[in-house]
Amino acid sequence: MDTIGTTDRFSITTAQQLEALYGEPLEAAVKKQADYIVEPGRAFIAASPFLLLATASDAGIDCSPKGDAPGFVQLLDDRTVLIPDRPGNNRVDGMRNIIANPKVGIIFMIPGANVTYRINGSASISTDPDLLDRFLVQGKRPRAVVVVAVEEAFHHCPKAFVRSKLWAAGANGTPADAPTSGSFAAWRDGGDAGYAEQYEASYQTRLKDSLY
């Protein structure tokens, strides 16, 4: 069977085909969008301990998690978001993308809440001491602050969370067969299950001392 040919015959390749398949968006879905952060959005960001930051450039695409205690993201005003960049693996893929292409997409999440808050905008990277000092934790500054100029902001419907039962499943703890950092390290280094367990234990110890 020619699976590639079959796939091509059913590929959506034009905006007209897409509109024919999905129709017009609901009025409420259009009306909820704003070019600034509305009051419920401000409250959502203040309560959020976690976000996903998507970036893209000719070099590639990146989607990075950012997280800390609720309120770790600050608003300079209702059109400017400040995201601290804490120590990580120093790949800085997203940062490189922002330098090449400032367009970003952000999804804020709150554990247990099925609604998300989304922001699309243009970002820059700042090492302004005044901005860094806004994000002191344990006396330590972030490496940099990602400054996002809001272009679109809106809440997103909860269906993905409802279908996945994400928070309910998470309340049961990590599945026994879920890969760990040690699992990936063993794959990378050619180690066995014992290597994975040792690496994971060591990593969890190091992690506590390298968060900030």
Protein backbone atom coordinates (compact mmCIF):
# COMPACT_ATOMS: atom_id res chain seq x y z
CA MET A 1 0.00 0.00 0.00
CA ASP A 2 1.31 3.42 -0.96
CA THR A 3 0.96 5.10 2.43
CA ILE A 4 2.78 8.28 1.37
CA GLY A 5 0.44 8.76 -1.58
CA THR A 6 -2.56 8.09 0.62
CA THR A 7 -1.36 10.62 3.14
CA ASP A 8 -0.79 13.23 0.45
CA ARG A 9 -4.32 12.79 -0.89
CA PHE A 10 -5.72 13.70 2.51
CA SER A 11 -3.26 16.44 3.44
CA ILE A 12 -4.60 19.89 4.28
CA THR A 13 -2.39 22.33 2.40
CA THR A 14 -4.42 25.54 2.08
CA ALA A 15 -6.21 27.91 4.43
CA GLN A 16 -9.39 27.34 2.42
CA GLN A 17 -9.25 23.59 3.08
CA LEU A 18 -8.67 24.23 6.76
CA GLU A 19 -11.63 26.59 6.98
CA ALA A 20 -13.83 24.10 5.16
CA LEU A 21 -12.87 21.41 7.67
CA TYR A 22 -13.28 23.45 10.86
CA GLY A 23 -15.63 26.27 9.90
CA GLU A 24 -15.63 29.69 11.54
CA PRO A 25 -14.43 30.06 15.15
CA LEU A 26 -17.08 30.59 17.79
CA GLU A 27 -17.86 34.23 18.53
CA ALA A 28 -16.80 33.80 22.15
CA ALA A 29 -13.43 32.40 21.05
CA VAL A 30 -12.77 35.56 19.03
CA LYS A 31 -14.21 37.98 21.56
CA LYS A 32 -12.00 36.71 24.41
CA GLN A 33 -8.78 37.85 22.69
CA ALA A 34 -7.24 41.14 23.80
CA ASP A 35 -4.01 43.00 23.07
CA TYR A 36 -3.30 43.41 26.78
CA ILE A 37 -3.55 41.30 29.93
CA VAL A 38 -7.07 41.51 31.33
CA GLU A 39 -7.73 41.48 35.07
CA PRO A 40 -8.47 37.73 35.32
CA GLY A 41 -5.32 37.17 33.28
CA ARG A 42 -3.27 39.15 35.78
CA ALA A 43 -4.67 37.01 38.59
CA PHE A 44 -3.97 33.83 36.62
CA ILE A 45 -0.31 34.77 36.01
CA ALA A 46 0.11 35.71 39.68
CA ALA A 47 -1.12 32.24 40.70
CA SER A 48 0.83 30.32 38.07
CA PRO A 49 4.03 28.43 39.02
CA PHE A 50 4.68 27.10 35.53
CA LEU A 51 4.71 28.13 31.88
CA LEU A 52 5.83 26.92 28.47
CA LEU A 53 7.75 29.37 26.29
CA ALA A 54 7.77 28.65 22.54
CA THR A 55 10.26 30.29 20.18
CA ALA A 56 11.27 29.79 16.56
CA SER A 57 13.88 30.90 14.06
CA ASP A 58 15.49 29.63 10.88
CA ALA A 59 17.79 27.58 13.13
CA GLY A 60 14.89 25.63 14.66
CA ILE A 61 12.00 25.58 17.08
CA ASP A 62 12.11 25.41 20.88
CA CYS A 63 9.55 25.01 23.65
CA SER A 64 11.01 25.46 27.12
CA PRO A 65 9.40 24.99 30.55
CA LYS A 66 9.87 27.75 33.12
CA GLY A 67 8.76 27.42 36.71
CA ASP A 68 9.10 28.64 40.27
CA ALA A 69 6.84 29.66 43.14
CA PRO A 70 3.53 31.28 42.10
CA GLY A 71 4.18 34.89 41.17
CA PHE A 72 7.61 34.16 39.70
CA VAL A 73 6.51 36.00 36.54
CA GLN A 74 5.89 39.71 36.98
CA LEU A 75 4.02 42.31 34.97
CA LEU A 76 5.71 45.62 34.28
CA ASP A 77 2.32 46.80 33.06
CA ASP A 78 -0.68 45.20 31.36
CA ARG A 79 1.25 44.88 28.08
CA THR A 80 4.69 43.83 29.38
CA VAL A 81 5.58 40.48 30.97
CA LEU A 82 8.86 39.77 32.77
CA ILE A 83 10.10 36.16 32.93
CA PRO A 84 13.27 35.37 34.93
CA ASP A 85 15.67 32.86 33.38
CA ARG A 86 17.18 30.68 36.09
CA PRO A 87 20.23 28.35 35.81
CA GLY A 88 19.68 25.44 33.43
CA ASN A 89 21.66 23.36 30.98
CA ASN A 90 23.06 26.41 29.15
CA ARG A 91 21.82 25.25 25.74
CA VAL A 92 19.89 28.57 25.52
CA ASP A 93 18.09 27.37 22.37
CA GLY A 94 15.13 29.62 23.09
CA MET A 95 17.36 32.62 23.78
CA ARG A 96 19.14 32.15 20.46
CA ASN A 97 15.77 32.02 18.73
CA ILE A 98 14.62 35.23 20.42
CA ILE A 99 17.73 37.05 19.20
CA ALA A 100 17.02 35.88 15.64
CA ASN A 101 13.23 36.13 15.81
CA PRO A 102 11.54 37.90 18.75
CA LYS A 103 8.12 36.31 18.26
CA VAL A 104 7.14 34.05 21.18
CA GLY A 105 4.15 32.10 22.45
CA ILE A 106 3.50 31.44 26.15
CA ILE A 107 1.08 29.13 27.97
CA PHE A 108 0.62 29.65 31.72
CA MET A 109 -0.69 26.76 33.83
CA ILE A 110 -1.94 26.38 37.39
CA PRO A 111 -1.91 22.86 38.91
CA GLY A 112 -5.46 21.59 39.23
CA ALA A 113 -6.90 24.30 36.98
CA ASN A 114 -8.08 23.17 33.56
CA VAL A 115 -8.02 26.66 32.06
CA THR A 116 -4.75 28.07 30.71
CA TYR A 117 -3.76 31.63 29.87
CA ARG A 118 -1.95 32.28 26.60
CA ILE A 119 0.19 35.18 25.45
CA ASN A 120 1.68 35.82 22.03
CA GLY A 121 4.10 38.67 21.57
CA SER A 122 7.62 39.90 20.91
CA ALA A 123 10.45 39.22 23.34
CA SER A 124 13.84 40.67 24.18
CA ILE A 125 16.53 39.55 26.63
CA SER A 126 17.69 41.94 29.34
CA THR A 127 20.44 41.95 31.96
CA ASP A 128 19.33 45.31 33.38
CA PRO A 129 20.35 45.17 37.08
CA ASP A 130 17.08 46.80 38.12
CA LEU A 131 15.10 44.04 36.41
CA LEU A 132 17.33 41.28 37.76
CA ASP A 133 16.92 42.62 41.30
CA ARG A 134 13.15 42.22 41.02
CA PHE A 135 13.66 38.45 40.93
CA LEU A 136 16.06 37.77 43.78
CA VAL A 137 15.56 34.31 45.29
CA GLN A 138 17.82 33.15 48.12
CA GLY A 139 19.86 36.27 47.42
CA LYS A 140 20.53 35.18 43.83
CA ARG A 141 19.58 36.93 40.61
CA PRO A 142 18.44 35.16 37.45
CA ARG A 143 20.92 35.06 34.58
CA ALA A 144 18.65 37.29 32.49
CA VAL A 145 15.05 38.43 32.17
CA VAL A 146 12.92 37.77 29.12
CA VAL A 147 10.83 40.88 28.47
CA VAL A 148 7.69 40.14 26.45
CA ALA A 149 5.63 42.84 24.74
CA VAL A 150 2.09 41.45 24.63
CA GLU A 151 0.36 41.38 21.26
CA GLU A 152 -2.38 38.83 22.00
CA ALA A 153 -3.64 37.46 25.31
CA PHE A 154 -6.54 35.13 26.03
CA HIS A 155 -7.64 32.20 28.17
CA HIS A 156 -7.82 28.77 26.57
CA CYS A 157 -10.61 26.21 26.97
CA PRO A 158 -10.07 23.22 29.31
CA LYS A 159 -10.87 20.35 26.95
CA ALA A 160 -7.28 19.12 26.59
CA PHE A 161 -6.95 18.81 30.36
CA VAL A 162 -10.34 17.18 30.72
CA ARG A 163 -9.61 14.62 28.02
CA SER A 164 -6.14 13.82 29.36
CA LYS A 165 -7.19 13.85 33.04
CA LEU A 166 -3.78 15.44 33.59
CA TRP A 167 -4.18 16.68 37.13
CA ALA A 168 -6.15 13.66 38.34
CA ALA A 169 -3.50 11.33 36.95
CA GLY A 170 -0.72 13.45 38.45
CA ALA A 171 -2.28 13.16 41.90
CA ASN A 172 -1.51 9.45 41.78
CA GLY A 173 2.21 10.11 41.51
CA THR A 174 4.71 9.27 38.77
CA PRO A 175 3.96 5.99 36.95
CA ALA A 176 6.46 3.28 37.79
CA ASP A 177 7.47 2.85 34.15
CA ALA A 178 7.94 6.57 33.41
CA PRO A 179 11.51 7.35 32.22
CA THR A 180 13.63 9.49 34.53
CA SER A 181 16.62 11.73 33.94
CA GLY A 182 18.66 8.66 34.80
CA SER A 183 16.93 6.67 32.05
CA PHE A 184 17.92 9.23 29.46
CA ALA A 185 21.46 9.49 30.85
CA ALA A 186 21.84 5.70 30.60
CA TRP A 187 20.71 5.81 26.98
CA ARG A 188 23.13 8.65 26.25
CA ASP A 189 26.10 7.03 28.01
CA GLY A 190 25.41 3.40 27.14
CA GLY A 191 24.67 2.49 30.75
CA ASP A 192 22.41 -0.19 32.19
CA ALA A 193 19.50 -0.03 34.65
CA GLY A 194 21.90 0.21 37.58
CA TYR A 195 23.62 3.16 35.94
CA ALA A 196 20.24 4.85 35.48
CA GLU A 197 19.37 4.43 39.16
CA GLN A 198 22.73 5.74 40.36
CA TYR A 199 22.60 8.70 38.01
CA GLU A 200 19.05 9.58 39.08
CA ALA A 201 19.93 9.48 42.77
CA SER A 202 23.01 11.66 42.20
CA TYR A 203 21.08 14.05 39.98
CA GLN A 204 18.32 14.57 42.56
CA THR A 205 20.98 15.48 45.13
CA ARG A 206 22.72 17.93 42.76
CA LEU A 207 19.40 19.42 41.72
CA LYS A 208 18.70 20.81 45.17
CA ASP A 209 21.90 22.86 45.10
CA SER A 210 21.56 24.23 41.56
CA LEU A 211 18.02 25.62 41.36
CA TYR A 212 19.15 29.23 41.75
